[in-house]
Each structure stands twice: as C-alpha cells, then as structure tokens.
Amino acid sequence: MRRERLITHPSPDSRHDFLVELRGEPRAGTRLTVRFVPDALVLEPAGFTAYLGEPAGFPDGLEALAMAVLDDLNNELVPRWVEITLERDAPFPHRVVIEDRQPNWDNPALVARLRRI
C-alpha cells in the first residue's frame, strides 16, 4: 500500500547520470534523505511526500525502516544508484545509511563528489 503513493514520471534523459535528492520526515524526529541516480523513471516529490504521510505503514527501528524504503524505491523506480539515510537525535544519536546500485552501473566521478560517511 505504501508503494502506491510513490508517483513516478519518465526521466527527461536516460542517457545521462544525474543525482536527485529528496528529504522528509517519516516520523516525528526522524529525518530521511533519499539520493538516487534515475534510470528510466524519476520520483515525483509530491508522491514522495504522500508516501511519507502514512507513518503507520512503516516498520519500527531505523534499520528496518531504511530497508523498507530501499525495497519500495527499488521496486517502483529501479534506480541506477540509491542511498537511503535515516537519522534521529533522541533518545540518542542514531544514523543508518544504506546504498544499492544496479549491476554493472558505475560512475566514479559522480559518486566521488557525494559526501561520504
């Protein structure tokens, strides 16, 4: 049901790699950053906001939440590369980062410019 809220549209030019970054709060006090290199589809920001608007549909725990978001985006977008970052400060600082990419995709120049942990 969560995935139905993710709205996509065709990439303006699938010949080129470009980075998309979206941010939101799936739960109060939990920050989510999604960065991805589209393939054929791009995620519509309004759909991403609607997707985050149903926090009851997400699992508890940052690790489980990161995996759920990754699975949803991989299912709906099939991005060339995707990174999910979830952070919260209370009751203690906690950060989870997960990355995935299509087999045989690599763009070292683009990935090198991304902030690394």
PDB file of N, CA and C in Angstrom:
ATOM      1  N   MET A   1       0.815  -1.195   0.000  1.00  0.00           N
ATOM      2  CA  MET A   1       0.000   0.000   0.000  1.00  0.00           C
ATOM      3  C   MET A   1       0.865   1.268   0.000  1.00  0.00           C
ATOM      4  N   ARG A   2       1.998   1.229   0.725  1.00  0.00           N
ATOM      5  CA  ARG A   2       2.892   2.395   0.736  1.00  0.00           C
ATOM      6  C   ARG A   2       3.349   2.728  -0.681  1.00  0.00           C
ATOM      7  N   ARG A   3       3.727   1.706  -1.416  1.00  0.00           N
ATOM      8  CA  ARG A   3       4.305   1.904  -2.747  1.00  0.00           C
ATOM      9  C   ARG A   3       3.343   2.590  -3.710  1.00  0.00           C
ATOM     10  N   GLU A   4       2.061   2.406  -3.493  1.00  0.00           N
ATOM     11  CA  GLU A   4       1.070   3.027  -4.373  1.00  0.00           C
ATOM     12  C   GLU A   4       1.142   4.545  -4.323  1.00  0.00           C
ATOM     13  N   ARG A   5       1.658   5.094  -3.247  1.00  0.00           N
ATOM     14  CA  ARG A   5       1.749   6.547  -3.094  1.00  0.00           C
ATOM     15  C   ARG A   5       2.945   7.142  -3.844  1.00  0.00           C
ATOM     16  N   LEU A   6       3.901   6.309  -4.192  1.00  0.00           N
ATOM     17  CA  LEU A   6       5.075   6.786  -4.918  1.00  0.00           C
ATOM     18  C   LEU A   6       4.693   7.033  -6.374  1.00  0.00           C
ATOM     19  N   ILE A   7       4.774   8.276  -6.790  1.00  0.00           N
ATOM     20  CA  ILE A   7       4.417   8.666  -8.154  1.00  0.00           C
ATOM     21  C   ILE A   7       5.715   8.889  -8.932  1.00  0.00           C
ATOM     22  N   THR A   8       5.779   8.327 -10.122  1.00  0.00           N
ATOM     23  CA  THR A   8       6.970   8.477 -10.956  1.00  0.00           C
ATOM     24  C   THR A   8       6.592   9.091 -12.301  1.00  0.00           C
ATOM     25  N   HIS A   9       7.597   9.617 -12.955  1.00  0.00           N
ATOM     26  CA  HIS A   9       7.432  10.069 -14.330  1.00  0.00           C
ATOM     27  C   HIS A   9       8.717   9.717 -15.087  1.00  0.00           C
ATOM     28  N   PRO A  10       8.653   9.678 -16.409  1.00  0.00           N
ATOM     29  CA  PRO A  10       9.843   9.296 -17.173  1.00  0.00           C
ATOM     30  C   PRO A  10      11.002  10.271 -16.948  1.00  0.00           C
ATOM     31  N   SER A  11      12.180   9.721 -16.932  1.00  0.00           N
ATOM     32  CA  SER A  11      13.384  10.542 -16.821  1.00  0.00           C
ATOM     33  C   SER A  11      13.482  11.448 -18.048  1.00  0.00           C
ATOM     34  N   PRO A  12      13.899  12.699 -17.857  1.00  0.00           N
ATOM     35  CA  PRO A  12      13.998  13.600 -19.006  1.00  0.00           C
ATOM     36  C   PRO A  12      15.052  13.160 -20.019  1.00  0.00           C
ATOM     37  N   ASP A  13      16.061  12.414 -19.568  1.00  0.00           N
ATOM     38  CA  ASP A  13      17.096  11.945 -20.487  1.00  0.00           C
ATOM     39  C   ASP A  13      17.847  10.805 -19.821  1.00  0.00           C
ATOM     40  N   SER A  14      17.507   9.602 -20.148  1.00  0.00           N
ATOM     41  CA  SER A  14      18.125   8.444 -19.502  1.00  0.00           C
ATOM     42  C   SER A  14      19.544   8.159 -20.004  1.00  0.00           C
ATOM     43  N   ARG A  15      20.025   8.957 -20.943  1.00  0.00           N
ATOM     44  CA  ARG A  15      21.404   8.771 -21.419  1.00  0.00           C
ATOM     45  C   ARG A  15      22.425   9.328 -20.443  1.00  0.00           C
ATOM     46  N   HIS A  16      21.975  10.221 -19.543  1.00  0.00           N
ATOM     47  CA  HIS A  16      22.907  10.892 -18.641  1.00  0.00           C
ATOM     48  C   HIS A  16      22.603  10.544 -17.192  1.00  0.00           C
ATOM     49  N   ASP A  17      23.663  10.457 -16.410  1.00  0.00           N
ATOM     50  CA  ASP A  17      23.508  10.274 -14.972  1.00  0.00           C
ATOM     51  C   ASP A  17      23.327  11.634 -14.325  1.00  0.00           C
ATOM     52  N   PHE A  18      22.347  11.740 -13.445  1.00  0.00           N
ATOM     53  CA  PHE A  18      22.177  12.939 -12.624  1.00  0.00           C
ATOM     54  C   PHE A  18      21.636  12.509 -11.286  1.00  0.00           C
ATOM     55  N   LEU A  19      21.894  13.323 -10.284  1.00  0.00           N
ATOM     56  CA  LEU A  19      21.540  12.997  -8.907  1.00  0.00           C
ATOM     57  C   LEU A  19      20.263  13.712  -8.496  1.00  0.00           C
ATOM     58  N   VAL A  20      19.348  12.986  -7.864  1.00  0.00           N
ATOM     59  CA  VAL A  20      18.126  13.539  -7.295  1.00  0.00           C
ATOM     60  C   VAL A  20      18.211  13.336  -5.786  1.00  0.00           C
ATOM     61  N   GLU A  21      17.862  14.373  -5.023  1.00  0.00           N
ATOM     62  CA  GLU A  21      17.849  14.268  -3.562  1.00  0.00           C
ATOM     63  C   GLU A  21      16.503  14.755  -3.048  1.00  0.00           C
ATOM     64  N   LEU A  22      15.874  13.946  -2.211  1.00  0.00           N
ATOM     65  CA  LEU A  22      14.614  14.284  -1.570  1.00  0.00           C
ATOM     66  C   LEU A  22      14.760  14.064  -0.068  1.00  0.00           C
ATOM     67  N   ARG A  23      14.095  14.926   0.705  1.00  0.00           N
ATOM     68  CA  ARG A  23      14.161  14.820   2.169  1.00  0.00           C
ATOM     69  C   ARG A  23      12.767  14.881   2.761  1.00  0.00           C
ATOM     70  N   GLY A  24      12.613  14.243   3.902  1.00  0.00           N
ATOM     71  CA  GLY A  24      11.328  14.285   4.591  1.00  0.00           C
ATOM     72  C   GLY A  24      11.428  13.656   5.970  1.00  0.00           C
ATOM     73  N   GLU A  25      10.288  13.603   6.651  1.00  0.00           N
ATOM     74  CA  GLU A  25      10.191  13.022   7.989  1.00  0.00           C
ATOM     75  C   GLU A  25       9.130  11.936   7.988  1.00  0.00           C
ATOM     76  N   PRO A  26       9.554  10.662   7.952  1.00  0.00           N
ATOM     77  CA  PRO A  26       8.558   9.583   8.000  1.00  0.00           C
ATOM     78  C   PRO A  26       7.890   9.476   9.364  1.00  0.00           C
ATOM     79  N   ARG A  27       8.584   9.936  10.389  1.00  0.00           N
ATOM     80  CA  ARG A  27       8.055  10.006  11.762  1.00  0.00           C
ATOM     81  C   ARG A  27       8.614  11.263  12.395  1.00  0.00           C
ATOM     82  N   ALA A  28       7.896  11.799  13.363  1.00  0.00           N
ATOM     83  CA  ALA A  28       8.376  12.995  14.062  1.00  0.00           C
ATOM     84  C   ALA A  28       9.760  12.715  14.650  1.00  0.00           C
ATOM     85  N   GLY A  29      10.705  13.596  14.365  1.00  0.00           N
ATOM     86  CA  GLY A  29      12.059  13.461  14.896  1.00  0.00           C
ATOM     87  C   GLY A  29      12.961  12.544  14.087  1.00  0.00           C
ATOM     88  N   THR A  30      12.467  11.941  13.026  1.00  0.00           N
ATOM     89  CA  THR A  30      13.268  11.057  12.176  1.00  0.00           C
ATOM     90  C   THR A  30      13.428  11.710  10.815  1.00  0.00           C
ATOM     91  N   ARG A  31      14.666  11.970  10.431  1.00  0.00           N
ATOM     92  CA  ARG A  31      14.963  12.613   9.154  1.00  0.00           C
ATOM     93  C   ARG A  31      15.369  11.561   8.128  1.00  0.00           C
ATOM     94  N   LEU A  32      14.784  11.658   6.951  1.00  0.00           N
ATOM     95  CA  LEU A  32      15.077  10.747   5.849  1.00  0.00           C
ATOM     96  C   LEU A  32      15.625  11.549   4.683  1.00  0.00           C
ATOM     97  N   THR A  33      16.748  11.105   4.147  1.00  0.00           N
ATOM     98  CA  THR A  33      17.295  11.671   2.920  1.00  0.00           C
ATOM     99  C   THR A  33      17.431  10.537   1.914  1.00  0.00           C
ATOM    100  N   VAL A  34      16.867  10.742   0.742  1.00  0.00           N
ATOM    101  CA  VAL A  34      16.967   9.776  -0.352  1.00  0.00           C
ATOM    102  C   VAL A  34      17.734  10.455  -1.472  1.00  0.00           C
ATOM    103  N   ARG A  35      18.808   9.819  -1.901  1.00  0.00           N
ATOM    104  CA  ARG A  35      19.561  10.294  -3.066  1.00  0.00           C
ATOM    105  C   ARG A  35      19.606   9.151  -4.061  1.00  0.00           C
ATOM    106  N   PHE A  36      19.334   9.481  -5.330  1.00  0.00           N
ATOM    107  CA  PHE A  36      19.365   8.420  -6.330  1.00  0.00           C
ATOM    108  C   PHE A  36      19.738   8.970  -7.696  1.00  0.00           C
ATOM    109  N   VAL A  37      20.286   8.078  -8.505  1.00  0.00           N
ATOM    110  CA  VAL A  37      20.556   8.345  -9.910  1.00  0.00           C
ATOM    111  C   VAL A  37      19.480   7.591 -10.679  1.00  0.00           C
ATOM    112  N   PRO A  38      18.562   8.316 -11.333  1.00  0.00           N
ATOM    113  CA  PRO A  38      17.469   7.648 -12.040  1.00  0.00           C
ATOM    114  C   PRO A  38      17.963   6.834 -13.233  1.00  0.00           C
ATOM    115  N   ASP A  39      17.140   5.882 -13.597  1.00  0.00           N
ATOM    116  CA  ASP A  39      17.331   5.167 -14.848  1.00  0.00           C
ATOM    117  C   ASP A  39      16.217   5.633 -15.784  1.00  0.00           C
ATOM    118  N   ALA A  40      15.154   4.887 -15.894  1.00  0.00           N
ATOM    119  CA  ALA A  40      14.048   5.264 -16.778  1.00  0.00           C
ATOM    120  C   ALA A  40      13.023   6.158 -16.100  1.00  0.00           C
ATOM    121  N   LEU A  41      12.956   6.115 -14.753  1.00  0.00           N
ATOM    122  CA  LEU A  41      11.925   6.850 -14.018  1.00  0.00           C
ATOM    123  C   LEU A  41      12.520   7.768 -12.961  1.00  0.00           C
ATOM    124  N   VAL A  42      11.801   8.868 -12.692  1.00  0.00           N
ATOM    125  CA  VAL A  42      12.161   9.820 -11.639  1.00  0.00           C
ATOM    126  C   VAL A  42      10.996   9.869 -10.668  1.00  0.00           C
ATOM    127  N   LEU A  43      11.305  10.004  -9.403  1.00  0.00           N
ATOM    128  CA  LEU A  43      10.290  10.084  -8.362  1.00  0.00           C
ATOM    129  C   LEU A  43       9.739  11.497  -8.276  1.00  0.00           C
ATOM    130  N   GLU A  44       8.419  11.619  -8.278  1.00  0.00           N
ATOM    131  CA  GLU A  44       7.731  12.907  -8.155  1.00  0.00           C
ATOM    132  C   GLU A  44       7.770  13.340  -6.682  1.00  0.00           C
ATOM    133  N   PRO A  45       8.267  14.552  -6.375  1.00  0.00           N
ATOM    134  CA  PRO A  45       8.332  14.991  -4.980  1.00  0.00           C
ATOM    135  C   PRO A  45       6.991  14.931  -4.240  1.00  0.00           C
ATOM    136  N   ALA A  46       5.896  15.255  -4.907  1.00  0.00           N
ATOM    137  CA  ALA A  46       4.588  15.193  -4.250  1.00  0.00           C
ATOM    138  C   ALA A  46       4.239  13.762  -3.858  1.00  0.00           C
ATOM    139  N   GLY A  47       4.601  12.811  -4.687  1.00  0.00           N
ATOM    140  CA  GLY A  47       4.364  11.412  -4.362  1.00  0.00           C
ATOM    141  C   GLY A  47       5.222  10.951  -3.199  1.00  0.00           C
ATOM    142  N   PHE A  48       6.447  11.460  -3.131  1.00  0.00           N
ATOM    143  CA  PHE A  48       7.330  11.136  -2.018  1.00  0.00           C
ATOM    144  C   PHE A  48       6.745  11.671  -0.714  1.00  0.00           C
ATOM    145  N   THR A  49       6.205  12.889  -0.756  1.00  0.00           N
ATOM    146  CA  THR A  49       5.568  13.482   0.426  1.00  0.00           C
ATOM    147  C   THR A  49       4.360  12.654   0.856  1.00  0.00           C
ATOM    148  N   ALA A  50       3.540  12.232  -0.093  1.00  0.00           N
ATOM    149  CA  ALA A  50       2.382  11.394   0.222  1.00  0.00           C
ATOM    150  C   ALA A  50       2.823  10.050   0.805  1.00  0.00           C
ATOM    151  N   TYR A  51       3.871   9.492   0.259  1.00  0.00           N
ATOM    152  CA  TYR A  51       4.432   8.227   0.746  1.00  0.00           C
ATOM    153  C   TYR A  51       4.834   8.347   2.215  1.00  0.00           C
ATOM    154  N   LEU A  52       5.453   9.456   2.562  1.00  0.00           N
ATOM    155  CA  LEU A  52       5.888   9.660   3.950  1.00  0.00           C
ATOM    156  C   LEU A  52       4.724  10.012   4.877  1.00  0.00           C
ATOM    157  N   GLY A  53       3.585  10.362   4.317  1.00  0.00           N
ATOM    158  CA  GLY A  53       2.439  10.780   5.109  1.00  0.00           C
ATOM    159  C   GLY A  53       1.714   9.660   5.819  1.00  0.00           C
ATOM    160  N   GLU A  54       2.123   8.430   5.608  1.00  0.00           N
ATOM    161  CA  GLU A  54       1.489   7.282   6.263  1.00  0.00           C
ATOM    162  C   GLU A  54       2.501   6.555   7.143  1.00  0.00           C
ATOM    163  N   PRO A  55       2.911   7.157   8.262  1.00  0.00           N
ATOM    164  CA  PRO A  55       3.950   6.532   9.085  1.00  0.00           C
ATOM    165  C   PRO A  55       3.533   5.195   9.686  1.00  0.00           C
ATOM    166  N   ALA A  56       2.231   4.946   9.824  1.00  0.00           N
ATOM    167  CA  ALA A  56       1.791   3.674  10.401  1.00  0.00           C
ATOM    168  C   ALA A  56       2.154   2.499   9.501  1.00  0.00           C
ATOM    169  N   GLY A  57       2.380   2.765   8.230  1.00  0.00           N
ATOM    170  CA  GLY A  57       2.717   1.694   7.297  1.00  0.00           C
ATOM    171  C   GLY A  57       4.184   1.305   7.298  1.00  0.00           C
ATOM    172  N   PHE A  58       5.002   2.002   8.063  1.00  0.00           N
ATOM    173  CA  PHE A  58       6.435   1.727   8.108  1.00  0.00           C
ATOM    174  C   PHE A  58       6.796   0.890   9.334  1.00  0.00           C
ATOM    175  N   PRO A  59       7.818   0.049   9.215  1.00  0.00           N
ATOM    176  CA  PRO A  59       8.253  -0.738  10.376  1.00  0.00           C
ATOM    177  C   PRO A  59       8.968   0.132  11.407  1.00  0.00           C
ATOM    178  N   ASP A  60       9.066  -0.359  12.627  1.00  0.00           N
ATOM    179  CA  ASP A  60       9.797   0.330  13.691  1.00  0.00           C
ATOM    180  C   ASP A  60      11.292   0.080  13.534  1.00  0.00           C
ATOM    181  N   GLY A  61      12.090   0.991  14.065  1.00  0.00           N
ATOM    182  CA  GLY A  61      13.544   0.853  14.015  1.00  0.00           C
ATOM    183  C   GLY A  61      14.116   1.438  12.748  1.00  0.00           C
ATOM    184  N   LEU A  62      15.216   2.192  12.889  1.00  0.00           N
ATOM    185  CA  LEU A  62      15.804   2.848  11.721  1.00  0.00           C
ATOM    186  C   LEU A  62      16.313   1.853  10.683  1.00  0.00           C
ATOM    187  N   GLU A  63      16.895   0.755  11.134  1.00  0.00           N
ATOM    188  CA  GLU A  63      17.424  -0.221  10.190  1.00  0.00           C
ATOM    189  C   GLU A  63      16.301  -0.839   9.348  1.00  0.00           C
ATOM    190  N   ALA A  64      15.219  -1.245  10.002  1.00  0.00           N
ATOM    191  CA  ALA A  64      14.082  -1.839   9.289  1.00  0.00           C
ATOM    192  C   ALA A  64      13.412  -0.812   8.378  1.00  0.00           C
ATOM    193  N   LEU A  65      13.322   0.420   8.845  1.00  0.00           N
ATOM    194  CA  LEU A  65      12.730   1.487   8.040  1.00  0.00           C
ATOM    195  C   LEU A  65      13.578   1.761   6.801  1.00  0.00           C
ATOM    196  N   ALA A  66      14.903   1.799   6.963  1.00  0.00           N
ATOM    197  CA  ALA A  66      15.801   2.016   5.818  1.00  0.00           C
ATOM    198  C   ALA A  66      15.635   0.912   4.781  1.00  0.00           C
ATOM    199  N   MET A  67      15.552  -0.325   5.231  1.00  0.00           N
ATOM    200  CA  MET A  67      15.375  -1.442   4.294  1.00  0.00           C
ATOM    201  C   MET A  67      14.024  -1.373   3.590  1.00  0.00           C
ATOM    202  N   ALA A  68      12.975  -0.973   4.311  1.00  0.00           N
ATOM    203  CA  ALA A  68      11.641  -0.865   3.702  1.00  0.00           C
ATOM    204  C   ALA A  68      11.624   0.209   2.623  1.00  0.00           C
ATOM    205  N   VAL A  69      12.223   1.362   2.911  1.00  0.00           N
ATOM    206  CA  VAL A  69      12.273   2.447   1.918  1.00  0.00           C
ATOM    207  C   VAL A  69      13.109   2.012   0.714  1.00  0.00           C
ATOM    208  N   LEU A  70      14.231   1.367   0.968  1.00  0.00           N
ATOM    209  CA  LEU A  70      15.073   0.876  -0.127  1.00  0.00           C
ATOM    210  C   LEU A  70      14.292  -0.099  -1.015  1.00  0.00           C
ATOM    211  N   ASP A  71      13.618  -1.047  -0.400  1.00  0.00           N
ATOM    212  CA  ASP A  71      12.839  -2.014  -1.178  1.00  0.00           C
ATOM    213  C   ASP A  71      11.750  -1.329  -1.999  1.00  0.00           C
ATOM    214  N   ASP A  72      11.061  -0.367  -1.386  1.00  0.00           N
ATOM    215  CA  ASP A  72       9.996   0.335  -2.098  1.00  0.00           C
ATOM    216  C   ASP A  72      10.531   1.105  -3.297  1.00  0.00           C
ATOM    217  N   LEU A  73      11.632   1.833  -3.099  1.00  0.00           N
ATOM    218  CA  LEU A  73      12.193   2.615  -4.199  1.00  0.00           C
ATOM    219  C   LEU A  73      12.779   1.723  -5.296  1.00  0.00           C
ATOM    220  N   ASN A  74      13.439   0.652  -4.891  1.00  0.00           N
ATOM    221  CA  ASN A  74      13.963  -0.273  -5.896  1.00  0.00           C
ATOM    222  C   ASN A  74      12.830  -0.906  -6.699  1.00  0.00           C
ATOM    223  N   ASN A  75      11.712  -1.157  -6.059  1.00  0.00           N
ATOM    224  CA  ASN A  75      10.576  -1.758  -6.746  1.00  0.00           C
ATOM    225  C   ASN A  75       9.911  -0.775  -7.713  1.00  0.00           C
ATOM    226  N   GLU A  76       9.728   0.465  -7.300  1.00  0.00           N
ATOM    227  CA  GLU A  76       8.987   1.437  -8.107  1.00  0.00           C
ATOM    228  C   GLU A  76       9.854   2.191  -9.118  1.00  0.00           C
ATOM    229  N   LEU A  77      11.108   2.452  -8.757  1.00  0.00           N
ATOM    230  CA  LEU A  77      11.973   3.272  -9.618  1.00  0.00           C
ATOM    231  C   LEU A  77      13.000   2.482 -10.416  1.00  0.00           C
ATOM    232  N   VAL A  78      13.537   1.452  -9.805  1.00  0.00           N
ATOM    233  CA  VAL A  78      14.683   0.722 -10.337  1.00  0.00           C
ATOM    234  C   VAL A  78      15.795   1.728 -10.685  1.00  0.00           C
ATOM    235  N   PRO A  79      16.258   2.484  -9.681  1.00  0.00           N
ATOM    236  CA  PRO A  79      17.297   3.482  -9.957  1.00  0.00           C
ATOM    237  C   PRO A  79      18.641   2.827 -10.268  1.00  0.00           C
ATOM    238  N   ARG A  80      19.493   3.571 -10.935  1.00  0.00           N
ATOM    239  CA  ARG A  80      20.847   3.079 -11.201  1.00  0.00           C
ATOM    240  C   ARG A  80      21.625   2.967  -9.896  1.00  0.00           C
ATOM    241  N   TRP A  81      21.432   3.959  -9.025  1.00  0.00           N
ATOM    242  CA  TRP A  81      22.102   4.007  -7.726  1.00  0.00           C
ATOM    243  C   TRP A  81      21.153   4.680  -6.753  1.00  0.00           C
ATOM    244  N   VAL A  82      21.120   4.222  -5.496  1.00  0.00           N
ATOM    245  CA  VAL A  82      20.259   4.830  -4.486  1.00  0.00           C
ATOM    246  C   VAL A  82      20.942   4.745  -3.127  1.00  0.00           C
ATOM    247  N   GLU A  83      20.749   5.804  -2.344  1.00  0.00           N
ATOM    248  CA  GLU A  83      21.265   5.859  -0.977  1.00  0.00           C
ATOM    249  C   GLU A  83      20.140   6.351  -0.075  1.00  0.00           C
ATOM    250  N   ILE A  84      19.890   5.631   0.991  1.00  0.00           N
ATOM    251  CA  ILE A  84      18.883   5.976   1.986  1.00  0.00           C
ATOM    252  C   ILE A  84      19.613   6.314   3.278  1.00  0.00           C
ATOM    253  N   THR A  85      19.337   7.495   3.830  1.00  0.00           N
ATOM    254  CA  THR A  85      19.914   7.894   5.116  1.00  0.00           C
ATOM    255  C   THR A  85      18.780   8.244   6.060  1.00  0.00           C
ATOM    256  N   LEU A  86      18.785   7.620   7.221  1.00  0.00           N
ATOM    257  CA  LEU A  86      17.813   7.916   8.277  1.00  0.00           C
ATOM    258  C   LEU A  86      18.579   8.336   9.518  1.00  0.00           C
ATOM    259  N   GLU A  87      18.107   9.417  10.158  1.00  0.00           N
ATOM    260  CA  GLU A  87      18.778   9.946  11.345  1.00  0.00           C
ATOM    261  C   GLU A  87      17.746  10.365  12.373  1.00  0.00           C
ATOM    262  N   ARG A  88      18.127  10.204  13.623  1.00  0.00           N
ATOM    263  CA  ARG A  88      17.331  10.759  14.706  1.00  0.00           C
ATOM    264  C   ARG A  88      18.277  11.074  15.851  1.00  0.00           C
ATOM    265  N   ASP A  89      17.920  12.088  16.640  1.00  0.00           N
ATOM    266  CA  ASP A  89      18.779  12.552  17.724  1.00  0.00           C
ATOM    267  C   ASP A  89      18.350  12.037  19.092  1.00  0.00           C
ATOM    268  N   ALA A  90      17.076  11.702  19.263  1.00  0.00           N
ATOM    269  CA  ALA A  90      16.582  11.287  20.575  1.00  0.00           C
ATOM    270  C   ALA A  90      15.993   9.882  20.477  1.00  0.00           C
ATOM    271  N   PRO A  91      16.141   9.059  21.437  1.00  0.00           N
ATOM    272  CA  PRO A  91      16.704   9.343  22.758  1.00  0.00           C
ATOM    273  C   PRO A  91      18.229   9.390  22.759  1.00  0.00           C
ATOM    274  N   PHE A  92      18.872   9.035  21.639  1.00  0.00           N
ATOM    275  CA  PHE A  92      20.320   9.120  21.476  1.00  0.00           C
ATOM    276  C   PHE A  92      20.601   9.261  19.983  1.00  0.00           C
ATOM    277  N   PRO A  93      21.735   9.833  19.596  1.00  0.00           N
ATOM    278  CA  PRO A  93      22.038   9.973  18.167  1.00  0.00           C
ATOM    279  C   PRO A  93      22.129   8.595  17.497  1.00  0.00           C
ATOM    280  N   HIS A  94      21.453   8.468  16.349  1.00  0.00           N
ATOM    281  CA  HIS A  94      21.407   7.196  15.631  1.00  0.00           C
ATOM    282  C   HIS A  94      21.301   7.524  14.140  1.00  0.00           C
ATOM    283  N   ARG A  95      22.139   6.907  13.354  1.00  0.00           N
ATOM    284  CA  ARG A  95      22.146   7.148  11.906  1.00  0.00           C
ATOM    285  C   ARG A  95      22.333   5.833  11.171  1.00  0.00           C
ATOM    286  N   VAL A  96      21.552   5.632  10.117  1.00  0.00           N
ATOM    287  CA  VAL A  96      21.648   4.442   9.278  1.00  0.00           C
ATOM    288  C   VAL A  96      21.758   4.902   7.825  1.00  0.00           C
ATOM    289  N   VAL A  97      22.730   4.346   7.115  1.00  0.00           N
ATOM    290  CA  VAL A  97      22.908   4.654   5.692  1.00  0.00           C
ATOM    291  C   VAL A  97      22.974   3.326   4.950  1.00  0.00           C
ATOM    292  N   ILE A  98      22.180   3.224   3.887  1.00  0.00           N
ATOM    293  CA  ILE A  98      22.197   2.024   3.060  1.00  0.00           C
ATOM    294  C   ILE A  98      22.267   2.450   1.600  1.00  0.00           C
ATOM    295  N   GLU A  99      23.017   1.696   0.822  1.00  0.00           N
ATOM    296  CA  GLU A  99      23.236   2.032  -0.586  1.00  0.00           C
ATOM    297  C   GLU A  99      22.999   0.787  -1.436  1.00  0.00           C
ATOM    298  N   ASP A 100      22.507   1.012  -2.641  1.00  0.00           N
ATOM    299  CA  ASP A 100      22.330  -0.079  -3.594  1.00  0.00           C
ATOM    300  C   ASP A 100      22.549   0.478  -4.995  1.00  0.00           C
ATOM    301  N   ARG A 101      22.913  -0.391  -5.911  1.00  0.00           N
ATOM    302  CA  ARG A 101      23.105   0.025  -7.305  1.00  0.00           C
ATOM    303  C   ARG A 101      22.797  -1.136  -8.235  1.00  0.00           C
ATOM    304  N   GLN A 102      22.472  -0.777  -9.469  1.00  0.00           N
ATOM    305  CA  GLN A 102      22.238  -1.805 -10.475  1.00  0.00           C
ATOM    306  C   GLN A 102      23.559  -2.485 -10.806  1.00  0.00           C
ATOM    307  N   PRO A 103      23.493  -3.769 -11.123  1.00  0.00           N
ATOM    308  CA  PRO A 103      24.717  -4.452 -11.547  1.00  0.00           C
ATOM    309  C   PRO A 103      25.314  -3.742 -12.759  1.00  0.00           C
ATOM    310  N   ASN A 104      26.610  -3.642 -12.789  1.00  0.00           N
ATOM    311  CA  ASN A 104      27.366  -3.048 -13.901  1.00  0.00           C
ATOM    312  C   ASN A 104      27.229  -1.534 -14.015  1.00  0.00           C
ATOM    313  N   TRP A 105      26.516  -0.869 -13.071  1.00  0.00           N
ATOM    314  CA  TRP A 105      26.472   0.593 -13.126  1.00  0.00           C
ATOM    315  C   TRP A 105      27.606   1.132 -12.280  1.00  0.00           C
ATOM    316  N   ASP A 106      28.309   2.099 -12.834  1.00  0.00           N
ATOM    317  CA  ASP A 106      29.347   2.780 -12.078  1.00  0.00           C
ATOM    318  C   ASP A 106      29.587   4.135 -12.724  1.00  0.00           C
ATOM    319  N   ASN A 107      29.720   5.130 -11.897  1.00  0.00           N
ATOM    320  CA  ASN A 107      30.074   6.467 -12.347  1.00  0.00           C
ATOM    321  C   ASN A 107      30.980   7.040 -11.264  1.00  0.00           C
ATOM    322  N   PRO A 108      32.261   6.681 -11.284  1.00  0.00           N
ATOM    323  CA  PRO A 108      33.162   7.078 -10.211  1.00  0.00           C
ATOM    324  C   PRO A 108      33.226   8.596  -9.995  1.00  0.00           C
ATOM    325  N   ALA A 109      33.152   9.379 -11.055  1.00  0.00           N
ATOM    326  CA  ALA A 109      33.234  10.832 -10.909  1.00  0.00           C
ATOM    327  C   ALA A 109      32.023  11.361 -10.131  1.00  0.00           C
ATOM    328  N   LEU A 110      30.855  10.867 -10.424  1.00  0.00           N
ATOM    329  CA  LEU A 110      29.646  11.311  -9.713  1.00  0.00           C
ATOM    330  C   LEU A 110      29.667  10.841  -8.259  1.00  0.00           C
ATOM    331  N   VAL A 111      29.975   9.585  -8.045  1.00  0.00           N
ATOM    332  CA  VAL A 111      29.985   9.024  -6.688  1.00  0.00           C
ATOM    333  C   VAL A 111      31.069   9.693  -5.831  1.00  0.00           C
ATOM    334  N   ALA A 112      32.195  10.056  -6.434  1.00  0.00           N
ATOM    335  CA  ALA A 112      33.281  10.691  -5.684  1.00  0.00           C
ATOM    336  C   ALA A 112      32.876  12.062  -5.144  1.00  0.00           C
ATOM    337  N   ARG A 113      31.946  12.735  -5.815  1.00  0.00           N
ATOM    338  CA  ARG A 113      31.511  14.053  -5.353  1.00  0.00           C
ATOM    339  C   ARG A 113      30.517  13.976  -4.206  1.00  0.00           C
ATOM    340  N   LEU A 114      29.946  12.812  -3.965  1.00  0.00           N
ATOM    341  CA  LEU A 114      28.962  12.673  -2.897  1.00  0.00           C
ATOM    342  C   LEU A 114      29.661  12.652  -1.544  1.00  0.00           C
ATOM    343  N   ARG A 115      29.003  13.235  -0.577  1.00  0.00           N
ATOM    344  CA  ARG A 115      29.570  13.242   0.778  1.00  0.00           C
ATOM    345  C   ARG A 115      29.587  11.822   1.319  1.00  0.00           C
ATOM    346  N   ARG A 116      30.690  11.429   1.832  1.00  0.00           N
ATOM    347  CA  ARG A 116      30.851  10.095   2.383  1.00  0.00           C
ATOM    348  C   ARG A 116      30.848  10.129   3.902  1.00  0.00           C
ATOM    349  N   ILE A 117      30.444   9.044   4.465  1.00  0.00           N
ATOM    350  CA  ILE A 117      30.404   8.920   5.927  1.00  0.00           C
ATOM    351  C   ILE A 117      31.809   8.798   6.457  1.00  0.00           C
TER     352      ILE A 117
END
